[in-house]
Amino acid sequence: MVGKDDFVQGFVPNHNHGSVDYTSVDAGHVHQCLDVTSPPVKMDDDDHVHYTVGYVVFEDGHTHHYQAYSGPAIPVGNGMHVHYYDFYTSEANGHRHRVKGVDQPAPGNK
């Protein structure tokens, strides 16, 4: 049995990533973005990405929708990896927000 802090070589199937982030400041406010990705989407080059879809937290009288893919896996040591993300939300109230950052580490160094 593999624990969350155990070193894992290679690819771990059926894992996902969580993230807690804030959007860019647009129209004088931000939204919090709480996210859990899909399981891995395998790529032709033996790497993987994750798909995510959701809504930012309600703020300033509205919300925004998003759907995006992460970047490829980035090994961060101790048998873990992360993914970089950079996307825009849908437009609402005449503006949209950018969301970018790195998700929480998951097992596997690939």
PDB file of N, CA and C in Angstrom:
ATOM      1  N   MET A   1       0.839  -1.173   0.000  1.00  0.00           N
ATOM      2  CA  MET A   1       0.000   0.000   0.000  1.00  0.00           C
ATOM      3  C   MET A   1       0.890   1.244   0.000  1.00  0.00           C
ATOM      4  N   VAL A   2       0.571   2.200  -0.858  1.00  0.00           N
ATOM      5  CA  VAL A   2       1.363   3.418  -0.998  1.00  0.00           C
ATOM      6  C   VAL A   2       0.686   4.553  -0.245  1.00  0.00           C
ATOM      7  N   GLY A   3       1.444   5.218   0.608  1.00  0.00           N
ATOM      8  CA  GLY A   3       0.930   6.373   1.341  1.00  0.00           C
ATOM      9  C   GLY A   3       1.228   7.667   0.605  1.00  0.00           C
ATOM     10  N   LYS A   4       0.662   8.763   1.058  1.00  0.00           N
ATOM     11  CA  LYS A   4       0.806  10.032   0.360  1.00  0.00           C
ATOM     12  C   LYS A   4       2.238  10.565   0.390  1.00  0.00           C
ATOM     13  N   ASP A   5       3.068  10.111   1.304  1.00  0.00           N
ATOM     14  CA  ASP A   5       4.445  10.591   1.385  1.00  0.00           C
ATOM     15  C   ASP A   5       5.470   9.568   0.907  1.00  0.00           C
ATOM     16  N   ASP A   6       5.028   8.449   0.331  1.00  0.00           N
ATOM     17  CA  ASP A   6       5.944   7.423  -0.147  1.00  0.00           C
ATOM     18  C   ASP A   6       6.489   7.773  -1.524  1.00  0.00           C
ATOM     19  N   PHE A   7       7.779   7.474  -1.750  1.00  0.00           N
ATOM     20  CA  PHE A   7       8.397   7.695  -3.054  1.00  0.00           C
ATOM     21  C   PHE A   7       7.816   6.710  -4.061  1.00  0.00           C
ATOM     22  N   VAL A   8       7.402   7.197  -5.214  1.00  0.00           N
ATOM     23  CA  VAL A   8       6.828   6.339  -6.248  1.00  0.00           C
ATOM     24  C   VAL A   8       7.551   6.611  -7.557  1.00  0.00           C
ATOM     25  N   GLN A   9       8.221   5.599  -8.105  1.00  0.00           N
ATOM     26  CA  GLN A   9       8.878   5.713  -9.405  1.00  0.00           C
ATOM     27  C   GLN A   9       7.845   5.570 -10.502  1.00  0.00           C
ATOM     28  N   GLY A  10       7.999   6.329 -11.568  1.00  0.00           N
ATOM     29  CA  GLY A  10       7.162   6.143 -12.737  1.00  0.00           C
ATOM     30  C   GLY A  10       5.795   6.787 -12.644  1.00  0.00           C
ATOM     31  N   PHE A  11       4.875   6.237 -13.429  1.00  0.00           N
ATOM     32  CA  PHE A  11       3.529   6.788 -13.592  1.00  0.00           C
ATOM     33  C   PHE A  11       2.535   6.072 -12.691  1.00  0.00           C
ATOM     34  N   VAL A  12       1.690   6.811 -12.010  1.00  0.00           N
ATOM     35  CA  VAL A  12       0.645   6.243 -11.166  1.00  0.00           C
ATOM     36  C   VAL A  12      -0.698   6.459 -11.870  1.00  0.00           C
ATOM     37  N   PRO A  13      -1.327   5.392 -12.343  1.00  0.00           N
ATOM     38  CA  PRO A  13      -2.615   5.559 -13.035  1.00  0.00           C
ATOM     39  C   PRO A  13      -3.716   6.006 -12.072  1.00  0.00           C
ATOM     40  N   ASN A  14      -4.721   6.645 -12.632  1.00  0.00           N
ATOM     41  CA  ASN A  14      -5.932   7.035 -11.891  1.00  0.00           C
ATOM     42  C   ASN A  14      -5.692   7.973 -10.714  1.00  0.00           C
ATOM     43  N   HIS A  15      -4.648   8.792 -10.783  1.00  0.00           N
ATOM     44  CA  HIS A  15      -4.460   9.815  -9.751  1.00  0.00           C
ATOM     45  C   HIS A  15      -5.092  11.124 -10.229  1.00  0.00           C
ATOM     46  N   ASN A  16      -5.259  12.051  -9.314  1.00  0.00           N
ATOM     47  CA  ASN A  16      -5.701  13.390  -9.684  1.00  0.00           C
ATOM     48  C   ASN A  16      -4.966  14.396  -8.813  1.00  0.00           C
ATOM     49  N   HIS A  17      -5.221  15.667  -9.053  1.00  0.00           N
ATOM     50  CA  HIS A  17      -4.575  16.747  -8.306  1.00  0.00           C
ATOM     51  C   HIS A  17      -5.636  17.714  -7.821  1.00  0.00           C
ATOM     52  N   GLY A  18      -5.392  18.327  -6.687  1.00  0.00           N
ATOM     53  CA  GLY A  18      -6.241  19.401  -6.196  1.00  0.00           C
ATOM     54  C   GLY A  18      -5.486  20.711  -6.267  1.00  0.00           C
ATOM     55  N   SER A  19      -6.206  21.795  -6.225  1.00  0.00           N
ATOM     56  CA  SER A  19      -5.564  23.105  -6.145  1.00  0.00           C
ATOM     57  C   SER A  19      -6.493  24.100  -5.464  1.00  0.00           C
ATOM     58  N   VAL A  20      -5.886  25.059  -4.809  1.00  0.00           N
ATOM     59  CA  VAL A  20      -6.587  26.176  -4.200  1.00  0.00           C
ATOM     60  C   VAL A  20      -5.836  27.414  -4.658  1.00  0.00           C
ATOM     61  N   ASP A  21      -6.519  28.292  -5.371  1.00  0.00           N
ATOM     62  CA  ASP A  21      -5.847  29.448  -5.943  1.00  0.00           C
ATOM     63  C   ASP A  21      -6.821  30.613  -6.016  1.00  0.00           C
ATOM     64  N   TYR A  22      -6.319  31.755  -6.419  1.00  0.00           N
ATOM     65  CA  TYR A  22      -7.152  32.924  -6.679  1.00  0.00           C
ATOM     66  C   TYR A  22      -6.987  33.342  -8.120  1.00  0.00           C
ATOM     67  N   THR A  23      -8.033  33.925  -8.667  1.00  0.00           N
ATOM     68  CA  THR A  23      -7.962  34.459 -10.014  1.00  0.00           C
ATOM     69  C   THR A  23      -7.176  35.770  -9.993  1.00  0.00           C
ATOM     70  N   SER A  24      -6.912  36.284 -11.175  1.00  0.00           N
ATOM     71  CA  SER A  24      -6.347  37.628 -11.293  1.00  0.00           C
ATOM     72  C   SER A  24      -7.365  38.654 -10.798  1.00  0.00           C
ATOM     73  N   VAL A  25      -6.897  39.844 -10.495  1.00  0.00           N
ATOM     74  CA  VAL A  25      -7.779  40.934 -10.092  1.00  0.00           C
ATOM     75  C   VAL A  25      -8.292  41.612 -11.362  1.00  0.00           C
ATOM     76  N   ASP A  26      -9.580  41.539 -11.589  1.00  0.00           N
ATOM     77  CA  ASP A  26     -10.217  42.187 -12.726  1.00  0.00           C
ATOM     78  C   ASP A  26     -11.522  42.784 -12.235  1.00  0.00           C
ATOM     79  N   ALA A  27     -11.873  43.966 -12.750  1.00  0.00           N
ATOM     80  CA  ALA A  27     -13.096  44.671 -12.345  1.00  0.00           C
ATOM     81  C   ALA A  27     -13.138  44.868 -10.822  1.00  0.00           C
ATOM     82  N   GLY A  28     -11.958  45.009 -10.211  1.00  0.00           N
ATOM     83  CA  GLY A  28     -11.870  45.333  -8.799  1.00  0.00           C
ATOM     84  C   GLY A  28     -12.095  44.194  -7.820  1.00  0.00           C
ATOM     85  N   HIS A  29     -12.029  42.945  -8.284  1.00  0.00           N
ATOM     86  CA  HIS A  29     -12.237  41.824  -7.363  1.00  0.00           C
ATOM     87  C   HIS A  29     -11.514  40.575  -7.860  1.00  0.00           C
ATOM     88  N   VAL A  30     -11.442  39.584  -6.986  1.00  0.00           N
ATOM     89  CA  VAL A  30     -10.890  38.267  -7.310  1.00  0.00           C
ATOM     90  C   VAL A  30     -11.922  37.209  -6.931  1.00  0.00           C
ATOM     91  N   HIS A  31     -11.713  35.996  -7.417  1.00  0.00           N
ATOM     92  CA  HIS A  31     -12.513  34.839  -7.018  1.00  0.00           C
ATOM     93  C   HIS A  31     -11.547  33.758  -6.539  1.00  0.00           C
ATOM     94  N   GLN A  32     -11.980  32.990  -5.563  1.00  0.00           N
ATOM     95  CA  GLN A  32     -11.200  31.826  -5.182  1.00  0.00           C
ATOM     96  C   GLN A  32     -11.562  30.684  -6.117  1.00  0.00           C
ATOM     97  N   CYS A  33     -10.580  29.870  -6.416  1.00  0.00           N
ATOM     98  CA  CYS A  33     -10.760  28.750  -7.349  1.00  0.00           C
ATOM     99  C   CYS A  33     -10.337  27.473  -6.627  1.00  0.00           C
ATOM    100  N   LEU A  34     -11.297  26.601  -6.335  1.00  0.00           N
ATOM    101  CA  LEU A  34     -11.050  25.322  -5.673  1.00  0.00           C
ATOM    102  C   LEU A  34     -11.253  24.241  -6.718  1.00  0.00           C
ATOM    103  N   ASP A  35     -10.294  23.356  -6.895  1.00  0.00           N
ATOM    104  CA  ASP A  35     -10.346  22.480  -8.051  1.00  0.00           C
ATOM    105  C   ASP A  35      -9.818  21.080  -7.744  1.00  0.00           C
ATOM    106  N   VAL A  36     -10.417  20.085  -8.386  1.00  0.00           N
ATOM    107  CA  VAL A  36      -9.888  18.720  -8.427  1.00  0.00           C
ATOM    108  C   VAL A  36      -9.923  18.298  -9.891  1.00  0.00           C
ATOM    109  N   THR A  37      -8.795  17.832 -10.393  1.00  0.00           N
ATOM    110  CA  THR A  37      -8.687  17.476 -11.801  1.00  0.00           C
ATOM    111  C   THR A  37      -9.318  16.125 -12.110  1.00  0.00           C
ATOM    112  N   SER A  38      -9.395  15.845 -13.398  1.00  0.00           N
ATOM    113  CA  SER A  38      -9.765  14.514 -13.871  1.00  0.00           C
ATOM    114  C   SER A  38      -8.598  13.563 -13.619  1.00  0.00           C
ATOM    115  N   PRO A  39      -8.818  12.252 -13.785  1.00  0.00           N
ATOM    116  CA  PRO A  39      -7.684  11.330 -13.820  1.00  0.00           C
ATOM    117  C   PRO A  39      -6.775  11.701 -14.996  1.00  0.00           C
ATOM    118  N   PRO A  40      -5.566  11.142 -15.069  1.00  0.00           N
ATOM    119  CA  PRO A  40      -4.622  11.529 -16.113  1.00  0.00           C
ATOM    120  C   PRO A  40      -5.120  11.233 -17.529  1.00  0.00           C
ATOM    121  N   VAL A  41      -4.754  12.112 -18.430  1.00  0.00           N
ATOM    122  CA  VAL A  41      -4.999  11.931 -19.861  1.00  0.00           C
ATOM    123  C   VAL A  41      -3.628  11.657 -20.478  1.00  0.00           C
ATOM    124  N   LYS A  42      -3.400  10.424 -20.915  1.00  0.00           N
ATOM    125  CA  LYS A  42      -2.091  10.028 -21.461  1.00  0.00           C
ATOM    126  C   LYS A  42      -1.831  10.734 -22.780  1.00  0.00           C
ATOM    127  N   MET A  43      -0.584  11.147 -22.986  1.00  0.00           N
ATOM    128  CA  MET A  43      -0.149  11.803 -24.211  1.00  0.00           C
ATOM    129  C   MET A  43       0.715  10.839 -25.031  1.00  0.00           C
ATOM    130  N   ASP A  44       0.921  11.165 -26.287  1.00  0.00           N
ATOM    131  CA  ASP A  44       1.721  10.310 -27.173  1.00  0.00           C
ATOM    132  C   ASP A  44       3.170  10.163 -26.725  1.00  0.00           C
ATOM    133  N   ASP A  45       3.706  11.148 -26.039  1.00  0.00           N
ATOM    134  CA  ASP A  45       5.122  11.135 -25.638  1.00  0.00           C
ATOM    135  C   ASP A  45       5.343  10.479 -24.271  1.00  0.00           C
ATOM    136  N   ASP A  46       4.424   9.638 -23.826  1.00  0.00           N
ATOM    137  CA  ASP A  46       4.501   8.929 -22.551  1.00  0.00           C
ATOM    138  C   ASP A  46       4.375   9.863 -21.345  1.00  0.00           C
ATOM    139  N   ASP A  47       3.873  11.054 -21.570  1.00  0.00           N
ATOM    140  CA  ASP A  47       3.600  11.978 -20.479  1.00  0.00           C
ATOM    141  C   ASP A  47       2.078  12.026 -20.277  1.00  0.00           C
ATOM    142  N   HIS A  48       1.627  12.878 -19.414  1.00  0.00           N
ATOM    143  CA  HIS A  48       0.185  13.028 -19.205  1.00  0.00           C
ATOM    144  C   HIS A  48      -0.156  14.448 -18.786  1.00  0.00           C
ATOM    145  N   VAL A  49      -1.410  14.813 -18.957  1.00  0.00           N
ATOM    146  CA  VAL A  49      -1.972  16.079 -18.514  1.00  0.00           C
ATOM    147  C   VAL A  49      -3.266  15.758 -17.767  1.00  0.00           C
ATOM    148  N   HIS A  50      -3.913  16.780 -17.243  1.00  0.00           N
ATOM    149  CA  HIS A  50      -5.200  16.602 -16.571  1.00  0.00           C
ATOM    150  C   HIS A  50      -6.183  17.634 -17.099  1.00  0.00           C
ATOM    151  N   TYR A  51      -7.438  17.247 -17.176  1.00  0.00           N
ATOM    152  CA  TYR A  51      -8.522  18.126 -17.594  1.00  0.00           C
ATOM    153  C   TYR A  51      -9.262  18.584 -16.354  1.00  0.00           C
ATOM    154  N   THR A  52      -9.725  19.806 -16.381  1.00  0.00           N
ATOM    155  CA  THR A  52     -10.510  20.307 -15.270  1.00  0.00           C
ATOM    156  C   THR A  52     -11.650  21.169 -15.790  1.00  0.00           C
ATOM    157  N   VAL A  53     -12.741  21.141 -15.083  1.00  0.00           N
ATOM    158  CA  VAL A  53     -13.907  21.948 -15.429  1.00  0.00           C
ATOM    159  C   VAL A  53     -14.594  22.350 -14.130  1.00  0.00           C
ATOM    160  N   GLY A  54     -15.048  23.600 -14.054  1.00  0.00           N
ATOM    161  CA  GLY A  54     -15.707  24.023 -12.829  1.00  0.00           C
ATOM    162  C   GLY A  54     -16.071  25.484 -12.833  1.00  0.00           C
ATOM    163  N   TYR A  55     -16.375  25.977 -11.639  1.00  0.00           N
ATOM    164  CA  TYR A  55     -16.761  27.367 -11.420  1.00  0.00           C
ATOM    165  C   TYR A  55     -15.888  27.956 -10.322  1.00  0.00           C
ATOM    166  N   VAL A  56     -15.587  29.242 -10.437  1.00  0.00           N
ATOM    167  CA  VAL A  56     -14.910  29.935  -9.347  1.00  0.00           C
ATOM    168  C   VAL A  56     -15.952  30.251  -8.272  1.00  0.00           C
ATOM    169  N   VAL A  57     -15.493  30.568  -7.076  1.00  0.00           N
ATOM    170  CA  VAL A  57     -16.386  30.874  -5.966  1.00  0.00           C
ATOM    171  C   VAL A  57     -17.141  32.184  -6.242  1.00  0.00           C
ATOM    172  N   PHE A  58     -18.427  32.203  -5.923  1.00  0.00           N
ATOM    173  CA  PHE A  58     -19.302  33.366  -6.109  1.00  0.00           C
ATOM    174  C   PHE A  58     -18.719  34.585  -5.405  1.00  0.00           C
ATOM    175  N   GLU A  59     -18.590  35.682  -6.141  1.00  0.00           N
ATOM    176  CA  GLU A  59     -18.035  36.921  -5.588  1.00  0.00           C
ATOM    177  C   GLU A  59     -18.546  38.088  -6.405  1.00  0.00           C
ATOM    178  N   ASP A  60     -18.754  39.226  -5.767  1.00  0.00           N
ATOM    179  CA  ASP A  60     -19.158  40.454  -6.458  1.00  0.00           C
ATOM    180  C   ASP A  60     -20.420  40.247  -7.290  1.00  0.00           C
ATOM    181  N   GLY A  61     -21.309  39.365  -6.821  1.00  0.00           N
ATOM    182  CA  GLY A  61     -22.598  39.165  -7.457  1.00  0.00           C
ATOM    183  C   GLY A  61     -22.620  38.239  -8.656  1.00  0.00           C
ATOM    184  N   HIS A  62     -21.531  37.496  -8.896  1.00  0.00           N
ATOM    185  CA  HIS A  62     -21.495  36.610 -10.060  1.00  0.00           C
ATOM    186  C   HIS A  62     -20.440  35.516  -9.885  1.00  0.00           C
ATOM    187  N   THR A  63     -20.391  34.610 -10.843  1.00  0.00           N
ATOM    188  CA  THR A  63     -19.382  33.559 -10.877  1.00  0.00           C
ATOM    189  C   THR A  63     -18.882  33.421 -12.313  1.00  0.00           C
ATOM    190  N   HIS A  64     -17.861  32.621 -12.513  1.00  0.00           N
ATOM    191  CA  HIS A  64     -17.306  32.344 -13.838  1.00  0.00           C
ATOM    192  C   HIS A  64     -17.110  30.845 -13.980  1.00  0.00           C
ATOM    193  N   HIS A  65     -17.221  30.353 -15.175  1.00  0.00           N
ATOM    194  CA  HIS A  65     -17.011  28.951 -15.515  1.00  0.00           C
ATOM    195  C   HIS A  65     -15.637  28.808 -16.162  1.00  0.00           C
ATOM    196  N   TYR A  66     -15.049  27.622 -16.070  1.00  0.00           N
ATOM    197  CA  TYR A  66     -13.793  27.374 -16.780  1.00  0.00           C
ATOM    198  C   TYR A  66     -13.708  25.908 -17.182  1.00  0.00           C
ATOM    199  N   GLN A  67     -12.924  25.659 -18.200  1.00  0.00           N
ATOM    200  CA  GLN A  67     -12.536  24.303 -18.595  1.00  0.00           C
ATOM    201  C   GLN A  67     -11.170  24.416 -19.247  1.00  0.00           C
ATOM    202  N   ALA A  68     -10.251  23.546 -18.834  1.00  0.00           N
ATOM    203  CA  ALA A  68      -8.876  23.692 -19.296  1.00  0.00           C
ATOM    204  C   ALA A  68      -8.103  22.397 -19.098  1.00  0.00           C
ATOM    205  N   TYR A  69      -6.983  22.303 -19.797  1.00  0.00           N
ATOM    206  CA  TYR A  69      -6.011  21.228 -19.607  1.00  0.00           C
ATOM    207  C   TYR A  69      -4.792  21.798 -18.900  1.00  0.00           C
ATOM    208  N   SER A  70      -4.162  20.976 -18.077  1.00  0.00           N
ATOM    209  CA  SER A  70      -2.905  21.360 -17.431  1.00  0.00           C
ATOM    210  C   SER A  70      -1.758  21.173 -18.410  1.00  0.00           C
ATOM    211  N   GLY A  71      -0.590  21.586 -17.997  1.00  0.00           N
ATOM    212  CA  GLY A  71       0.628  21.262 -18.731  1.00  0.00           C
ATOM    213  C   GLY A  71       1.068  19.858 -18.368  1.00  0.00           C
ATOM    214  N   PRO A  72       2.183  19.391 -18.950  1.00  0.00           N
ATOM    215  CA  PRO A  72       2.699  18.051 -18.644  1.00  0.00           C
ATOM    216  C   PRO A  72       3.225  17.947 -17.210  1.00  0.00           C
ATOM    217  N   ALA A  73       3.518  16.731 -16.793  1.00  0.00           N
ATOM    218  CA  ALA A  73       4.003  16.471 -15.437  1.00  0.00           C
ATOM    219  C   ALA A  73       5.369  17.115 -15.211  1.00  0.00           C
ATOM    220  N   ILE A  74       5.557  17.664 -14.012  1.00  0.00           N
ATOM    221  CA  ILE A  74       6.827  18.263 -13.596  1.00  0.00           C
ATOM    222  C   ILE A  74       7.269  17.548 -12.319  1.00  0.00           C
ATOM    223  N   PRO A  75       8.306  16.694 -12.380  1.00  0.00           N
ATOM    224  CA  PRO A  75       8.783  16.021 -11.169  1.00  0.00           C
ATOM    225  C   PRO A  75       9.282  17.048 -10.145  1.00  0.00           C
ATOM    226  N   VAL A  76       8.928  16.849  -8.874  1.00  0.00           N
ATOM    227  CA  VAL A  76       9.342  17.790  -7.828  1.00  0.00           C
ATOM    228  C   VAL A  76      10.109  17.101  -6.697  1.00  0.00           C
ATOM    229  N   GLY A  77      10.556  15.867  -6.925  1.00  0.00           N
ATOM    230  CA  GLY A  77      11.301  15.141  -5.904  1.00  0.00           C
ATOM    231  C   GLY A  77      10.400  14.298  -5.026  1.00  0.00           C
ATOM    232  N   ASN A  78      11.012  13.418  -4.261  1.00  0.00           N
ATOM    233  CA  ASN A  78      10.293  12.518  -3.351  1.00  0.00           C
ATOM    234  C   ASN A  78       9.205  11.708  -4.045  1.00  0.00           C
ATOM    235  N   GLY A  79       9.412  11.377  -5.331  1.00  0.00           N
ATOM    236  CA  GLY A  79       8.457  10.551  -6.047  1.00  0.00           C
ATOM    237  C   GLY A  79       7.131  11.231  -6.308  1.00  0.00           C
ATOM    238  N   MET A  80       7.131  12.555  -6.385  1.00  0.00           N
ATOM    239  CA  MET A  80       5.910  13.330  -6.604  1.00  0.00           C
ATOM    240  C   MET A  80       6.064  14.183  -7.856  1.00  0.00           C
ATOM    241  N   HIS A  81       4.934  14.642  -8.370  1.00  0.00           N
ATOM    242  CA  HIS A  81       4.948  15.555  -9.513  1.00  0.00           C
ATOM    243  C   HIS A  81       3.794  16.534  -9.406  1.00  0.00           C
ATOM    244  N   VAL A  82       3.896  17.637 -10.142  1.00  0.00           N
ATOM    245  CA  VAL A  82       2.851  18.660 -10.201  1.00  0.00           C
ATOM    246  C   VAL A  82       2.599  18.991 -11.672  1.00  0.00           C
ATOM    247  N   HIS A  83       1.621  19.850 -11.917  1.00  0.00           N
ATOM    248  CA  HIS A  83       1.325  20.347 -13.258  1.00  0.00           C
ATOM    249  C   HIS A  83       1.111  21.849 -13.178  1.00  0.00           C
ATOM    250  N   TYR A  84       1.610  22.576 -14.171  1.00  0.00           N
ATOM    251  CA  TYR A  84       1.381  24.008 -14.295  1.00  0.00           C
ATOM    252  C   TYR A  84       0.073  24.212 -15.050  1.00  0.00           C
ATOM    253  N   TYR A  85      -0.687  25.216 -14.663  1.00  0.00           N
ATOM    254  CA  TYR A  85      -1.909  25.555 -15.391  1.00  0.00           C
ATOM    255  C   TYR A  85      -1.958  27.059 -15.625  1.00  0.00           C
ATOM    256  N   ASP A  86      -2.589  27.450 -16.712  1.00  0.00           N
ATOM    257  CA  ASP A  86      -2.709  28.850 -17.096  1.00  0.00           C
ATOM    258  C   ASP A  86      -3.901  28.953 -18.040  1.00  0.00           C
ATOM    259  N   PHE A  87      -5.014  29.505 -17.555  1.00  0.00           N
ATOM    260  CA  PHE A  87      -6.225  29.582 -18.374  1.00  0.00           C
ATOM    261  C   PHE A  87      -7.061  30.786 -17.968  1.00  0.00           C
ATOM    262  N   TYR A  88      -8.044  31.101 -18.777  1.00  0.00           N
ATOM    263  CA  TYR A  88      -8.982  32.186 -18.503  1.00  0.00           C
ATOM    264  C   TYR A  88     -10.360  31.614 -18.215  1.00  0.00           C
ATOM    265  N   THR A  89     -11.082  32.297 -17.349  1.00  0.00           N
ATOM    266  CA  THR A  89     -12.461  31.924 -17.062  1.00  0.00           C
ATOM    267  C   THR A  89     -13.363  32.421 -18.186  1.00  0.00           C
ATOM    268  N   SER A  90     -14.607  32.017 -18.139  1.00  0.00           N
ATOM    269  CA  SER A  90     -15.612  32.573 -19.041  1.00  0.00           C
ATOM    270  C   SER A  90     -15.849  34.043 -18.667  1.00  0.00           C
ATOM    271  N   GLU A  91     -16.484  34.764 -19.572  1.00  0.00           N
ATOM    272  CA  GLU A  91     -16.804  36.162 -19.312  1.00  0.00           C
ATOM    273  C   GLU A  91     -18.131  36.274 -18.559  1.00  0.00           C
ATOM    274  N   ALA A  92     -18.173  37.186 -17.600  1.00  0.00           N
ATOM    275  CA  ALA A  92     -19.403  37.518 -16.866  1.00  0.00           C
ATOM    276  C   ALA A  92     -19.294  38.963 -16.428  1.00  0.00           C
ATOM    277  N   ASN A  93     -20.377  39.690 -16.470  1.00  0.00           N
ATOM    278  CA  ASN A  93     -20.379  41.106 -16.083  1.00  0.00           C
ATOM    279  C   ASN A  93     -19.312  41.913 -16.830  1.00  0.00           C
ATOM    280  N   GLY A  94     -19.059  41.548 -18.094  1.00  0.00           N
ATOM    281  CA  GLY A  94     -18.140  42.310 -18.932  1.00  0.00           C
ATOM    282  C   GLY A  94     -16.661  42.083 -18.684  1.00  0.00           C
ATOM    283  N   HIS A  95     -16.296  41.018 -17.980  1.00  0.00           N
ATOM    284  CA  HIS A  95     -14.874  40.739 -17.749  1.00  0.00           C
ATOM    285  C   HIS A  95     -14.653  39.238 -17.566  1.00  0.00           C
ATOM    286  N   ARG A  96     -13.400  38.848 -17.573  1.00  0.00           N
ATOM    287  CA  ARG A  96     -12.997  37.479 -17.256  1.00  0.00           C
ATOM    288  C   ARG A  96     -11.733  37.554 -16.415  1.00  0.00           C
ATOM    289  N   HIS A  97     -11.321  36.422 -15.851  1.00  0.00           N
ATOM    290  CA  HIS A  97     -10.151  36.366 -14.984  1.00  0.00           C
ATOM    291  C   HIS A  97      -9.162  35.320 -15.496  1.00  0.00           C
ATOM    292  N   ARG A  98      -7.909  35.562 -15.203  1.00  0.00           N
ATOM    293  CA  ARG A  98      -6.867  34.576 -15.507  1.00  0.00           C
ATOM    294  C   ARG A  98      -6.584  33.771 -14.246  1.00  0.00           C
ATOM    295  N   VAL A  99      -6.367  32.483 -14.421  1.00  0.00           N
ATOM    296  CA  VAL A  99      -6.003  31.596 -13.317  1.00  0.00           C
ATOM    297  C   VAL A  99      -4.717  30.887 -13.734  1.00  0.00           C
ATOM    298  N   LYS A 100      -3.674  31.022 -12.934  1.00  0.00           N
ATOM    299  CA  LYS A 100      -2.423  30.334 -13.252  1.00  0.00           C
ATOM    300  C   LYS A 100      -1.717  29.940 -11.973  1.00  0.00           C
ATOM    301  N   GLY A 101      -0.983  28.843 -12.059  1.00  0.00           N
ATOM    302  CA  GLY A 101      -0.270  28.360 -10.897  1.00  0.00           C
ATOM    303  C   GLY A 101       0.122  26.912 -11.067  1.00  0.00           C
ATOM    304  N   VAL A 102       0.363  26.264  -9.947  1.00  0.00           N
ATOM    305  CA  VAL A 102       0.781  24.859  -9.909  1.00  0.00           C
ATOM    306  C   VAL A 102      -0.152  24.131  -8.956  1.00  0.00           C
ATOM    307  N   ASP A 103      -0.602  22.939  -9.362  1.00  0.00           N
ATOM    308  CA  ASP A 103      -1.501  22.175  -8.490  1.00  0.00           C
ATOM    309  C   ASP A 103      -0.730  21.469  -7.389  1.00  0.00           C
ATOM    310  N   GLN A 104      -1.442  20.792  -6.521  1.00  0.00           N
ATOM    311  CA  GLN A 104      -0.837  20.072  -5.400  1.00  0.00           C
ATOM    312  C   GLN A 104      -0.103  18.815  -5.910  1.00  0.00           C
ATOM    313  N   PRO A 105       0.986  18.433  -5.275  1.00  0.00           N
ATOM    314  CA  PRO A 105       1.735  17.246  -5.696  1.00  0.00           C
ATOM    315  C   PRO A 105       0.893  15.969  -5.603  1.00  0.00           C
ATOM    316  N   ALA A 106       1.174  15.042  -6.520  1.00  0.00           N
ATOM    317  CA  ALA A 106       0.543  13.724  -6.521  1.00  0.00           C
ATOM    318  C   ALA A 106       1.632  12.674  -6.696  1.00  0.00           C
ATOM    319  N   PRO A 107       1.376  11.432  -6.287  1.00  0.00           N
ATOM    320  CA  PRO A 107       2.381  10.371  -6.384  1.00  0.00           C
ATOM    321  C   PRO A 107       2.792  10.067  -7.823  1.00  0.00           C
ATOM    322  N   GLY A 108       4.051   9.701  -7.970  1.00  0.00           N
ATOM    323  CA  GLY A 108       4.632   9.353  -9.261  1.00  0.00           C
ATOM    324  C   GLY A 108       5.550  10.441  -9.734  1.00  0.00           C
ATOM    325  N   ASN A 109       6.721  10.053 -10.230  1.00  0.00           N
ATOM    326  CA  ASN A 109       7.661  11.071 -10.706  1.00  0.00           C
ATOM    327  C   ASN A 109       7.548  11.295 -12.209  1.00  0.00           C
ATOM    328  N   LYS A 110       6.482  10.734 -12.824  1.00  0.00           N
ATOM    329  CA  LYS A 110       6.206  10.953 -14.253  1.00  0.00           C
ATOM    330  C   LYS A 110       4.743  11.246 -14.444  1.00  0.00           C
TER     331      LYS A 110
END
